[in-house]
C-alpha atoms as a PDB file:
ATOM      1  CA  MET A   1       9.768  27.943 -12.191  1.00  0.00           C
ATOM      2  CA  ARG A   2       6.421  29.501 -11.278  1.00  0.00           C
ATOM      3  CA  ALA A   3       4.446  28.033  -8.409  1.00  0.00           C
ATOM      4  CA  VAL A   4       1.411  28.814  -6.316  1.00  0.00           C
ATOM      5  CA  VAL A   5       2.563  29.343  -2.725  1.00  0.00           C
ATOM      6  CA  ILE A   6       0.786  29.733   0.593  1.00  0.00           C
ATOM      7  CA  ASP A   7       1.956  32.847   2.417  1.00  0.00           C
ATOM      8  CA  GLY A   8       2.047  33.452   6.160  1.00  0.00           C
ATOM      9  CA  ARG A   9      -1.543  34.696   6.167  1.00  0.00           C
ATOM     10  CA  GLY A  10      -2.908  31.476   4.718  1.00  0.00           C
ATOM     11  CA  THR A  11      -3.613  32.959   1.287  1.00  0.00           C
ATOM     12  CA  PHE A  12      -2.362  31.896  -2.138  1.00  0.00           C
ATOM     13  CA  ARG A  13      -0.072  33.861  -4.440  1.00  0.00           C
ATOM     14  CA  LEU A  14       2.032  33.189  -7.534  1.00  0.00           C
ATOM     15  CA  ALA A  15       5.815  33.220  -7.004  1.00  0.00           C
ATOM     16  CA  GLU A  16       9.106  32.224  -8.606  1.00  0.00           C
ATOM     17  CA  ARG A  17      10.864  29.254  -7.050  1.00  0.00           C
ATOM     18  CA  ALA A  18      13.997  27.291  -7.887  1.00  0.00           C
ATOM     19  CA  ASP A  19      13.529  24.217 -10.028  1.00  0.00           C
ATOM     20  CA  PRO A  20      13.391  21.062  -7.888  1.00  0.00           C
ATOM     21  CA  ALA A  21      16.593  19.075  -7.453  1.00  0.00           C
ATOM     22  CA  VAL A  22      16.643  15.541  -8.839  1.00  0.00           C
ATOM     23  CA  GLY A  23      18.371  13.237  -6.404  1.00  0.00           C
ATOM     24  CA  PRO A  24      18.650   9.434  -6.420  1.00  0.00           C
ATOM     25  CA  GLY A  25      15.344   7.696  -6.968  1.00  0.00           C
ATOM     26  CA  LEU A  26      13.628  10.910  -8.041  1.00  0.00           C
ATOM     27  CA  VAL A  27      12.204  12.025 -11.376  1.00  0.00           C
ATOM     28  CA  ALA A  28      11.722  15.630 -12.545  1.00  0.00           C
ATOM     29  CA  VAL A  29       8.328  16.106 -14.179  1.00  0.00           C
ATOM     30  CA  ARG A  30       7.224  19.071 -16.272  1.00  0.00           C
ATOM     31  CA  VAL A  31       3.653  19.572 -15.014  1.00  0.00           C
ATOM     32  CA  HIS A  32       1.070  19.941 -17.786  1.00  0.00           C
ATOM     33  CA  ALA A  33      -1.969  19.731 -15.509  1.00  0.00           C
ATOM     34  CA  ALA A  34      -2.569  19.469 -11.767  1.00  0.00           C
ATOM     35  CA  GLY A  35      -5.685  18.496  -9.846  1.00  0.00           C
ATOM     36  CA  LEU A  36      -7.186  20.547  -7.031  1.00  0.00           C
ATOM     37  CA  ASN A  37      -8.448  18.946  -3.830  1.00  0.00           C
ATOM     38  CA  ALA A  38     -10.037  19.973  -0.545  1.00  0.00           C
ATOM     39  CA  ALA A  39      -6.698  19.244   1.120  1.00  0.00           C
ATOM     40  CA  ASP A  40      -5.224  22.275  -0.664  1.00  0.00           C
ATOM     41  CA  LEU A  41      -7.683  24.561   1.104  1.00  0.00           C
ATOM     42  CA  GLN A  42      -7.120  22.751   4.407  1.00  0.00           C
ATOM     43  CA  GLN A  43      -3.359  23.194   4.014  1.00  0.00           C
ATOM     44  CA  ALA A  44      -3.794  26.935   3.487  1.00  0.00           C
ATOM     45  CA  ARG A  45      -5.833  27.112   6.708  1.00  0.00           C
ATOM     46  CA  GLY A  46      -3.072  25.294   8.583  1.00  0.00           C
ATOM     47  CA  ASP A  47      -5.203  22.211   9.214  1.00  0.00           C
ATOM     48  CA  TYR A  48      -3.420  19.748   6.922  1.00  0.00           C
ATOM     49  CA  PRO A  49       0.358  20.284   6.671  1.00  0.00           C
ATOM     50  CA  ALA A  50       2.438  18.653   3.965  1.00  0.00           C
ATOM     51  CA  PRO A  51       4.268  15.450   4.934  1.00  0.00           C
ATOM     52  CA  PRO A  52       8.039  15.599   5.523  1.00  0.00           C
ATOM     53  CA  GLY A  53      10.046  15.804   2.325  1.00  0.00           C
ATOM     54  CA  TRP A  54       7.430  17.715   0.327  1.00  0.00           C
ATOM     55  CA  PRO A  55       7.188  21.503  -0.166  1.00  0.00           C
ATOM     56  CA  ALA A  56       5.548  22.970   2.931  1.00  0.00           C
ATOM     57  CA  ASP A  57       4.057  25.978   1.151  1.00  0.00           C
ATOM     58  CA  ILE A  58       3.229  24.759  -2.383  1.00  0.00           C
ATOM     59  CA  PRO A  59      -0.128  22.952  -2.556  1.00  0.00           C
ATOM     60  CA  GLY A  60      -1.158  20.315  -5.061  1.00  0.00           C
ATOM     61  CA  LEU A  61      -1.579  16.568  -4.519  1.00  0.00           C
ATOM     62  CA  GLU A  62      -1.890  15.203  -8.042  1.00  0.00           C
ATOM     63  CA  ILE A  63      -0.062  15.933 -11.246  1.00  0.00           C
ATOM     64  CA  ALA A  64       0.170  14.856 -14.859  1.00  0.00           C
ATOM     65  CA  GLY A  65       3.130  15.697 -17.028  1.00  0.00           C
ATOM     66  CA  GLU A  66       6.206  14.704 -18.963  1.00  0.00           C
ATOM     67  CA  VAL A  67       9.400  13.277 -17.503  1.00  0.00           C
ATOM     68  CA  GLU A  68      12.292  15.719 -18.035  1.00  0.00           C
ATOM     69  CA  GLU A  69      15.103  14.221 -15.961  1.00  0.00           C
ATOM     70  CA  VAL A  70      15.727  10.931 -14.183  1.00  0.00           C
ATOM     71  CA  GLY A  71      17.800  10.590 -11.016  1.00  0.00           C
ATOM     72  CA  ALA A  72      20.351   7.916 -10.226  1.00  0.00           C
ATOM     73  CA  GLY A  73      18.966   4.448  -9.692  1.00  0.00           C
ATOM     74  CA  VAL A  74      15.758   5.001 -11.658  1.00  0.00           C
ATOM     75  CA  THR A  75      15.317   2.373 -14.365  1.00  0.00           C
ATOM     76  CA  ASP A  76      11.593   2.062 -15.091  1.00  0.00           C
ATOM     77  CA  VAL A  77      10.929   5.522 -16.555  1.00  0.00           C
ATOM     78  CA  ARG A  78      12.784   7.694 -19.035  1.00  0.00           C
ATOM     79  CA  ALA A  79      12.723  11.242 -20.361  1.00  0.00           C
ATOM     80  CA  GLY A  80       9.635  11.925 -22.461  1.00  0.00           C
ATOM     81  CA  ASP A  81       7.358   9.453 -20.649  1.00  0.00           C
ATOM     82  CA  ARG A  82       3.809  10.671 -19.913  1.00  0.00           C
ATOM     83  CA  VAL A  83       3.150  10.122 -16.225  1.00  0.00           C
ATOM     84  CA  MET A  84       0.735  11.011 -13.443  1.00  0.00           C
ATOM     85  CA  ALA A  85       1.093  10.741  -9.689  1.00  0.00           C
ATOM     86  CA  LEU A  86      -0.434  11.283  -6.272  1.00  0.00           C
ATOM     87  CA  VAL A  87       2.124  13.404  -4.412  1.00  0.00           C
ATOM     88  CA  GLY A  88       2.515  14.880  -0.936  1.00  0.00           C
ATOM     89  CA  GLY A  89       2.441  18.485  -2.158  1.00  0.00           C
ATOM     90  CA  GLY A  90       4.117  20.805  -4.618  1.00  0.00           C
ATOM     91  CA  GLY A  91       1.902  19.931  -7.580  1.00  0.00           C
ATOM     92  CA  HIS A  92       0.652  23.443  -8.326  1.00  0.00           C
ATOM     93  CA  ALA A  93       3.873  24.451 -10.024  1.00  0.00           C
ATOM     94  CA  GLU A  94       5.536  24.175 -13.420  1.00  0.00           C
ATOM     95  CA  LYS A  95       7.884  21.390 -12.265  1.00  0.00           C
ATOM     96  CA  ILE A  96       8.044  18.838  -9.469  1.00  0.00           C
ATOM     97  CA  ALA A  97      10.420  16.111  -8.301  1.00  0.00           C
ATOM     98  CA  VAL A  98       8.597  12.828  -7.615  1.00  0.00           C
ATOM     99  CA  PRO A  99       9.846   9.477  -6.284  1.00  0.00           C
ATOM    100  CA  ALA A 100       9.837   7.149  -9.280  1.00  0.00           C
ATOM    101  CA  GLU A 101       7.883   4.514  -7.342  1.00  0.00           C
ATOM    102  CA  LEU A 102       4.864   6.847  -7.167  1.00  0.00           C
ATOM    103  CA  LEU A 103       4.566   7.391 -10.922  1.00  0.00           C
ATOM    104  CA  LEU A 104       1.711   5.920 -12.934  1.00  0.00           C
ATOM    105  CA  PRO A 105       1.672   5.624 -16.743  1.00  0.00           C
ATOM    106  CA  ILE A 106      -0.913   7.733 -18.557  1.00  0.00           C
ATOM    107  CA  PRO A 107      -3.007   5.554 -20.895  1.00  0.00           C
ATOM    108  CA  VAL A 108      -2.865   6.358 -24.595  1.00  0.00           C
ATOM    109  CA  GLY A 109      -5.541   8.864 -25.570  1.00  0.00           C
ATOM    110  CA  LEU A 110      -6.096  10.265 -22.075  1.00  0.00           C
ATOM    111  CA  SER A 111      -5.729  14.055 -21.951  1.00  0.00           C
ATOM    112  CA  TRP A 112      -3.439  15.879 -19.539  1.00  0.00           C
ATOM    113  CA  ARG A 113      -6.501  17.308 -17.797  1.00  0.00           C
ATOM    114  CA  GLU A 114      -8.110  13.927 -17.282  1.00  0.00           C
ATOM    115  CA  ALA A 115      -4.834  12.415 -16.130  1.00  0.00           C
ATOM    116  CA  ALA A 116      -4.402  15.185 -13.555  1.00  0.00           C
ATOM    117  CA  GLY A 117      -7.791  14.390 -12.056  1.00  0.00           C
ATOM    118  CA  PHE A 118      -7.172  10.662 -11.728  1.00  0.00           C
ATOM    119  CA  PRO A 119      -4.477   9.886  -9.103  1.00  0.00           C
ATOM    120  CA  GLU A 120      -5.922  11.302  -5.884  1.00  0.00           C
ATOM    121  CA  ALA A 121      -9.578  10.583  -6.536  1.00  0.00           C
ATOM    122  CA  PHE A 122      -9.215   7.031  -7.805  1.00  0.00           C
ATOM    123  CA  SER A 123      -6.409   6.052  -5.438  1.00  0.00           C
ATOM    124  CA  THR A 124      -8.607   7.205  -2.569  1.00  0.00           C
ATOM    125  CA  ALA A 125     -11.662   5.398  -3.930  1.00  0.00           C
ATOM    126  CA  TRP A 126      -9.872   2.115  -4.642  1.00  0.00           C
ATOM    127  CA  ASP A 127      -7.973   2.063  -1.364  1.00  0.00           C
ATOM    128  CA  ALA A 128     -11.057   2.916   0.698  1.00  0.00           C
ATOM    129  CA  LEU A 129     -13.641   0.732  -1.020  1.00  0.00           C
ATOM    130  CA  VAL A 130     -11.648  -2.272  -2.182  1.00  0.00           C
ATOM    131  CA  VAL A 131      -8.614  -2.496   0.107  1.00  0.00           C
ATOM    132  CA  GLN A 132     -10.083  -1.294   3.404  1.00  0.00           C
ATOM    133  CA  ALA A 133     -13.833  -1.863   3.246  1.00  0.00           C
ATOM    134  CA  GLY A 134     -13.679  -4.984   1.044  1.00  0.00           C
ATOM    135  CA  VAL A 135     -16.645  -4.007  -1.112  1.00  0.00           C
ATOM    136  CA  ARG A 136     -18.218  -7.028  -2.811  1.00  0.00           C
ATOM    137  CA  ALA A 137     -20.545  -7.680  -5.714  1.00  0.00           C
ATOM    138  CA  GLY A 138     -24.133  -7.258  -4.584  1.00  0.00           C
ATOM    139  CA  ASP A 139     -23.360  -4.869  -1.716  1.00  0.00           C
ATOM    140  CA  ARG A 140     -25.628  -1.840  -1.408  1.00  0.00           C
ATOM    141  CA  VAL A 141     -23.345   1.203  -1.106  1.00  0.00           C
ATOM    142  CA  LEU A 142     -24.361   4.768  -0.230  1.00  0.00           C
ATOM    143  CA  VAL A 143     -21.941   7.487  -1.418  1.00  0.00           C
ATOM    144  CA  THR A 144     -22.546  10.949   0.037  1.00  0.00           C
ATOM    145  CA  GLY A 145     -21.326  14.028  -1.835  1.00  0.00           C
ATOM    146  CA  ALA A 146     -21.202  11.877  -4.941  1.00  0.00           C
ATOM    147  CA  ALA A 147     -20.869  14.656  -7.540  1.00  0.00           C
ATOM    148  CA  GLY A 148     -17.367  15.810  -6.566  1.00  0.00           C
ATOM    149  CA  GLY A 149     -14.034  14.482  -7.772  1.00  0.00           C
ATOM    150  CA  VAL A 150     -13.690  11.738  -5.176  1.00  0.00           C
ATOM    151  CA  GLY A 151     -17.440  11.115  -5.197  1.00  0.00           C
ATOM    152  CA  THR A 152     -17.568  10.384  -8.915  1.00  0.00           C
ATOM    153  CA  ALA A 153     -14.581   8.051  -8.491  1.00  0.00           C
ATOM    154  CA  MET A 154     -16.277   6.249  -5.589  1.00  0.00           C
ATOM    155  CA  VAL A 155     -19.430   5.702  -7.635  1.00  0.00           C
ATOM    156  CA  GLN A 156     -17.451   4.216 -10.528  1.00  0.00           C
ATOM    157  CA  VAL A 157     -15.185   1.991  -8.427  1.00  0.00           C
ATOM    158  CA  ALA A 158     -18.185   0.659  -6.492  1.00  0.00           C
ATOM    159  CA  THR A 159     -20.134  -0.142  -9.659  1.00  0.00           C
ATOM    160  CA  ALA A 160     -17.049  -1.707 -11.265  1.00  0.00           C
ATOM    161  CA  SER A 161     -16.888  -3.967  -8.189  1.00  0.00           C
ATOM    162  CA  GLY A 162     -20.457  -5.114  -8.791  1.00  0.00           C
ATOM    163  CA  ALA A 163     -22.043  -3.097  -5.964  1.00  0.00           C
ATOM    164  CA  ARG A 164     -25.462  -1.490  -6.151  1.00  0.00           C
ATOM    165  CA  VAL A 165     -24.831   2.214  -5.650  1.00  0.00           C
ATOM    166  CA  VAL A 166     -27.037   4.907  -4.165  1.00  0.00           C
ATOM    167  CA  ALA A 167     -25.437   8.303  -4.837  1.00  0.00           C
ATOM    168  CA  SER A 168     -26.486  11.177  -2.580  1.00  0.00           C
ATOM    169  CA  VAL A 169     -26.277  14.536  -4.387  1.00  0.00           C
ATOM    170  CA  ARG A 170     -27.704  17.758  -2.992  1.00  0.00           C
ATOM    171  CA  ARG A 171     -28.141  19.580  -6.319  1.00  0.00           C
ATOM    172  CA  THR A 172     -30.868  17.915  -8.368  1.00  0.00           C
ATOM    173  CA  ALA A 173     -29.474  19.496 -11.557  1.00  0.00           C
ATOM    174  CA  LEU A 174     -26.510  17.099 -11.257  1.00  0.00           C
ATOM    175  CA  HIS A 175     -28.517  13.919 -10.674  1.00  0.00           C
ATOM    176  CA  ASN A 176     -28.591  12.814 -14.314  1.00  0.00           C
ATOM    177  CA  ARG A 177     -24.861  13.420 -14.761  1.00  0.00           C
ATOM    178  CA  VAL A 178     -24.072  11.252 -11.752  1.00  0.00           C
ATOM    179  CA  ARG A 179     -26.496   8.587 -12.959  1.00  0.00           C
ATOM    180  CA  GLU A 180     -24.648   8.458 -16.292  1.00  0.00           C
ATOM    181  CA  LEU A 181     -21.412   7.459 -14.536  1.00  0.00           C
ATOM    182  CA  ALA A 182     -22.639   3.859 -14.477  1.00  0.00           C
ATOM    183  CA  PRO A 183     -21.401   1.696 -17.345  1.00  0.00           C
ATOM    184  CA  ALA A 184     -23.907   0.298 -19.805  1.00  0.00           C
ATOM    185  CA  GLY A 185     -26.062  -2.235 -18.029  1.00  0.00           C
ATOM    186  CA  GLY A 186     -25.104  -0.918 -14.589  1.00  0.00           C
ATOM    187  CA  GLY A 187     -27.296   1.179 -12.369  1.00  0.00           C
ATOM    188  CA  VAL A 188     -26.749   4.105 -10.032  1.00  0.00           C
ATOM    189  CA  ASP A 189     -29.708   5.297  -7.996  1.00  0.00           C
ATOM    190  CA  VAL A 190     -29.302   9.045  -7.365  1.00  0.00           C
ATOM    191  CA  VAL A 191     -31.133  10.673  -4.463  1.00  0.00           C
ATOM    192  CA  SER A 192     -31.150  13.902  -2.483  1.00  0.00           C
ATOM    193  CA  PRO A 193     -29.763  13.711   1.086  1.00  0.00           C
ATOM    194  CA  GLY A 194     -33.246  13.615   2.584  1.00  0.00           C
ATOM    195  CA  GLN A 195     -34.090  10.497   0.555  1.00  0.00           C
ATOM    196  CA  GLU A 196     -31.163   8.341   1.689  1.00  0.00           C
ATOM    197  CA  GLY A 197     -33.253   6.484   4.266  1.00  0.00           C
ATOM    198  CA  GLU A 198     -35.740   5.348   1.614  1.00  0.00           C
ATOM    199  CA  ARG A 199     -33.054   3.103   0.037  1.00  0.00           C
ATOM    200  CA  ALA A 200     -31.735   1.664   3.312  1.00  0.00           C
ATOM    201  CA  PRO A 201     -30.373  -0.631   4.636  1.00  0.00           C
ATOM    202  CA  TYR A 202     -26.825  -0.302   3.306  1.00  0.00           C
ATOM    203  CA  ASP A 203     -23.871  -2.630   3.565  1.00  0.00           C
ATOM    204  CA  LEU A 204     -21.459   0.283   3.253  1.00  0.00           C
ATOM    205  CA  ILE A 205     -21.818   4.047   3.656  1.00  0.00           C
ATOM    206  CA  VAL A 206     -19.059   6.258   2.231  1.00  0.00           C
ATOM    207  CA  GLU A 207     -18.984   9.599   4.046  1.00  0.00           C
ATOM    208  CA  LEU A 208     -17.396  12.304   1.900  1.00  0.00           C
ATOM    209  CA  VAL A 209     -19.056  15.375   3.419  1.00  0.00           C
ATOM    210  CA  GLY A 210     -18.829  15.169   7.198  1.00  0.00           C
ATOM    211  CA  GLY A 211     -20.755  17.511   9.466  1.00  0.00           C
ATOM    212  CA  GLU A 212     -22.356  17.055  12.849  1.00  0.00           C
ATOM    213  CA  ASP A 213     -25.150  14.788  11.587  1.00  0.00           C
ATOM    214  CA  CYS A 214     -23.087  12.466   9.401  1.00  0.00           C
ATOM    215  CA  LEU A 215     -22.682   9.603  11.884  1.00  0.00           C
ATOM    216  CA  ARG A 216     -26.418   9.370  12.396  1.00  0.00           C
ATOM    217  CA  ARG A 217     -26.339   7.371   9.203  1.00  0.00           C
ATOM    218  CA  VAL A 218     -25.331   4.380  11.307  1.00  0.00           C
ATOM    219  CA  GLU A 219     -29.105   3.902  11.627  1.00  0.00           C
ATOM    220  CA  LEU A 220     -29.212   3.171   7.882  1.00  0.00           C
ATOM    221  CA  LEU A 221     -26.746   0.278   8.048  1.00  0.00           C
ATOM    222  CA  ARG A 222     -27.511  -3.369   7.641  1.00  0.00           C
ATOM    223  CA  THR A 223     -26.251  -5.612  10.448  1.00  0.00           C
ATOM    224  CA  ARG A 224     -22.445  -5.815  10.250  1.00  0.00           C
ATOM    225  CA  GLY A 225     -22.382  -2.857   7.884  1.00  0.00           C
ATOM    226  CA  LYS A 226     -19.571  -0.309   7.655  1.00  0.00           C
ATOM    227  CA  ILE A 227     -19.263   3.471   7.631  1.00  0.00           C
ATOM    228  CA  LEU A 228     -16.183   4.702   5.799  1.00  0.00           C
ATOM    229  CA  VAL A 229     -15.202   8.290   6.676  1.00  0.00           C
ATOM    230  CA  VAL A 230     -13.138   9.809   3.869  1.00  0.00           C
ATOM    231  CA  GLY A 231     -14.052  13.521   3.793  1.00  0.00           C
ATOM    232  CA  VAL A 232     -15.017  16.053   6.466  1.00  0.00           C
ATOM    233  CA  GLN A 233     -15.264  19.376   4.637  1.00  0.00           C
ATOM    234  CA  GLY A 234     -18.724  19.887   6.118  1.00  0.00           C
ATOM    235  CA  GLY A 235     -17.348  19.580   9.652  1.00  0.00           C
ATOM    236  CA  ALA A 236     -14.839  17.333  11.399  1.00  0.00           C
ATOM    237  CA  VAL A 237     -16.750  16.739  14.663  1.00  0.00           C
ATOM    238  CA  ALA A 238     -19.845  14.549  14.872  1.00  0.00           C
ATOM    239  CA  PRO A 239     -21.604  12.847  17.822  1.00  0.00           C
ATOM    240  CA  LEU A 240     -22.234   9.117  17.651  1.00  0.00           C
ATOM    241  CA  ARG A 241     -24.725   7.063  19.649  1.00  0.00           C
ATOM    242  CA  MET A 242     -22.449   4.203  20.545  1.00  0.00           C
ATOM    243  CA  VAL A 243     -25.366   1.900  21.245  1.00  0.00           C
ATOM    244  CA  ASP A 244     -26.487   2.235  17.602  1.00  0.00           C
ATOM    245  CA  LEU A 245     -23.024   1.140  16.442  1.00  0.00           C
ATOM    246  CA  MET A 246     -23.123  -1.736  18.906  1.00  0.00           C
ATOM    247  CA  LEU A 247     -26.607  -2.930  18.014  1.00  0.00           C
ATOM    248  CA  ALA A 248     -25.729  -2.947  14.318  1.00  0.00           C
ATOM    249  CA  ARG A 249     -22.424  -4.714  15.074  1.00  0.00           C
ATOM    250  CA  ALA A 250     -21.079  -2.125  12.652  1.00  0.00           C
ATOM    251  CA  GLN A 251     -17.584  -0.924  11.812  1.00  0.00           C
ATOM    252  CA  LEU A 252     -16.496   2.711  11.673  1.00  0.00           C
ATOM    253  CA  ILE A 253     -13.434   3.173   9.444  1.00  0.00           C
ATOM    254  CA  GLY A 254     -11.511   6.409   9.024  1.00  0.00           C
ATOM    255  CA  THR A 255      -8.959   6.837   6.258  1.00  0.00           C
ATOM    256  CA  THR A 256      -6.593   9.321   4.661  1.00  0.00           C
ATOM    257  CA  ILE A 257      -3.574   8.834   2.403  1.00  0.00           C
ATOM    258  CA  ARG A 258      -1.460  11.938   2.919  1.00  0.00           C
ATOM    259  CA  GLY A 259      -0.111  10.990   6.324  1.00  0.00           C
ATOM    260  CA  ARG A 260       1.037   7.501   5.347  1.00  0.00           C
ATOM    261  CA  SER A 261       4.667   6.446   5.211  1.00  0.00           C
ATOM    262  CA  PRO A 262       6.572   6.510   1.902  1.00  0.00           C
ATOM    263  CA  ALA A 263       6.513   2.710   1.826  1.00  0.00           C
ATOM    264  CA  GLU A 264       2.734   2.630   2.253  1.00  0.00           C
ATOM    265  CA  LYS A 265       2.282   5.196  -0.511  1.00  0.00           C
ATOM    266  CA  ALA A 266       4.558   3.235  -2.846  1.00  0.00           C
ATOM    267  CA  LEU A 267       2.525   0.096  -2.169  1.00  0.00           C
ATOM    268  CA  LEU A 268      -0.709   1.931  -2.921  1.00  0.00           C
ATOM    269  CA  ALA A 269       0.766   3.310  -6.158  1.00  0.00           C
ATOM    270  CA  ALA A 270       1.732  -0.217  -7.203  1.00  0.00           C
ATOM    271  CA  THR A 271      -1.799  -1.406  -6.464  1.00  0.00           C
ATOM    272  CA  VAL A 272      -3.316   1.400  -8.520  1.00  0.00           C
ATOM    273  CA  ARG A 273      -0.809   0.860 -11.337  1.00  0.00           C
ATOM    274  CA  THR A 274      -1.750  -2.796 -11.750  1.00  0.00           C
ATOM    275  CA  GLY A 275      -5.411  -2.796 -10.685  1.00  0.00           C
ATOM    276  CA  VAL A 276      -6.945   0.565 -11.549  1.00  0.00           C
ATOM    277  CA  VAL A 277      -5.011   2.148 -14.438  1.00  0.00           C
ATOM    278  CA  PRO A 278      -5.965  -0.800 -16.725  1.00  0.00           C
ATOM    279  CA  LEU A 279      -9.652  -0.085 -16.016  1.00  0.00           C
ATOM    280  CA  LEU A 280      -9.058   3.530 -17.035  1.00  0.00           C
ATOM    281  CA  ALA A 281      -7.248   2.443 -20.194  1.00  0.00           C
ATOM    282  CA  ASP A 282     -10.134   0.111 -21.099  1.00  0.00           C
ATOM    283  CA  GLY A 283     -12.705   2.884 -20.693  1.00  0.00           C
ATOM    284  CA  ARG A 284     -14.366   1.272 -17.679  1.00  0.00           C
ATOM    285  CA  LEU A 285     -13.478   4.346 -15.604  1.00  0.00           C
ATOM    286  CA  ARG A 286     -13.492   7.977 -16.659  1.00  0.00           C
ATOM    287  CA  VAL A 287     -12.483  11.288 -15.114  1.00  0.00           C
ATOM    288  CA  PRO A 288     -15.284  13.882 -15.214  1.00  0.00           C
ATOM    289  CA  LEU A 289     -13.918  17.430 -15.447  1.00  0.00           C
ATOM    290  CA  ASP A 290     -15.696  20.412 -13.950  1.00  0.00           C
ATOM    291  CA  ALA A 291     -13.360  23.267 -14.915  1.00  0.00           C
ATOM    292  CA  ALA A 292      -9.765  24.042 -15.902  1.00  0.00           C
ATOM    293  CA  PHE A 293      -7.769  27.222 -15.278  1.00  0.00           C
ATOM    294  CA  PRO A 294      -4.293  28.421 -16.309  1.00  0.00           C
ATOM    295  CA  LEU A 295      -1.810  28.793 -13.459  1.00  0.00           C
ATOM    296  CA  ASP A 296      -2.089  32.594 -13.364  1.00  0.00           C
ATOM    297  CA  ARG A 297      -5.817  32.215 -12.635  1.00  0.00           C
ATOM    298  CA  TYR A 298      -5.115  30.199  -9.496  1.00  0.00           C
ATOM    299  CA  ALA A 299      -7.504  32.363  -7.441  1.00  0.00           C
ATOM    300  CA  ASP A 300     -10.403  31.459  -9.743  1.00  0.00           C
ATOM    301  CA  ALA A 301      -9.419  27.799  -9.588  1.00  0.00           C
ATOM    302  CA  TYR A 302      -9.441  27.682  -5.781  1.00  0.00           C
ATOM    303  CA  ALA A 303     -12.700  29.659  -5.685  1.00  0.00           C
ATOM    304  CA  ARG A 304     -14.303  27.092  -7.957  1.00  0.00           C
ATOM    305  CA  LEU A 305     -12.942  24.301  -5.771  1.00  0.00           C
ATOM    306  CA  ALA A 306     -14.478  25.891  -2.673  1.00  0.00           C
ATOM    307  CA  GLY A 307     -17.783  26.717  -4.363  1.00  0.00           C
ATOM    308  CA  PRO A 308     -20.930  24.604  -4.681  1.00  0.00           C
ATOM    309  CA  GLY A 309     -22.336  22.661  -7.608  1.00  0.00           C
ATOM    310  CA  LYS A 310     -19.198  20.988  -8.969  1.00  0.00           C
ATOM    311  CA  PHE A 311     -19.328  17.853 -11.063  1.00  0.00           C
ATOM    312  CA  GLY A 312     -15.975  16.100 -11.165  1.00  0.00           C
ATOM    313  CA  LYS A 313     -12.511  17.590 -10.934  1.00  0.00           C
ATOM    314  CA  VAL A 314     -11.137  21.127 -11.027  1.00  0.00           C
ATOM    315  CA  VAL A 315      -7.641  21.324 -12.564  1.00  0.00           C
ATOM    316  CA  MET A 316      -4.934  23.909 -13.204  1.00  0.00           C
ATOM    317  CA  LEU A 317      -2.776  24.059 -16.306  1.00  0.00           C
ATOM    318  CA  PRO A 318       0.807  25.229 -15.653  1.00  0.00           C
END
């Protein structure tokens, strides 16, 4: 099979690799589309290694494709099924072996490209907002970096939960597109970063950008509010005035999925399978797509991922 690999210099190249082996509990999937994420770039820099058991040098955290082979002990999926999954790596290839317990069914009518952009973004959004932060109807939620793949998922999951969302988007040309993520009758207030304070106080702030100033947003919290740190592409070190956190009686929550145990990931997949995929099937959630590239244009795909002005997901098409 062909796969994008990370060489010893931290750069990407296309290479031939052996097809993955299908052991007990595993399923071989022919990849039709694969999502790109900031973690792929971090992995190439050596900052975010793949978990044990996943390819150490093939990036790619989310895939959509067709089941080709089923390993011993697998009973819930069969050859020909359309599936998607959040994986630990190896997704930017023509084939991948995935634990059956991580697979999600692709709703009827959803394209391969849309399916490839769903697992990481919406698993992250649901786990962070609903499971960890306990977002509730009526909460005022600020989402920073709201035009990206995870950002657009956060906006939709928060509105589906009944929250009032303020989406912070640097590029004003994208404001209307983010505003249109809200379902009919729902509202998303879109602002530039410098306007975030005008909509304060917030019950929950979702930090998707990072940078040295990001934790100053604790000043925008309502008493007993929460800051949820999910992304740090803008910088992973930020000072915090502890007294501000104390006076607000606030919570600071950090989260990532990649480093969790297999059992934790299987539990999250089950939660998404029963709680989130039905919302996608009903049209209450959608996967905005920014761009798609064939596998042999991997360099263009990663350049688009690293560049500014994206709206939604970038995907590759093996």
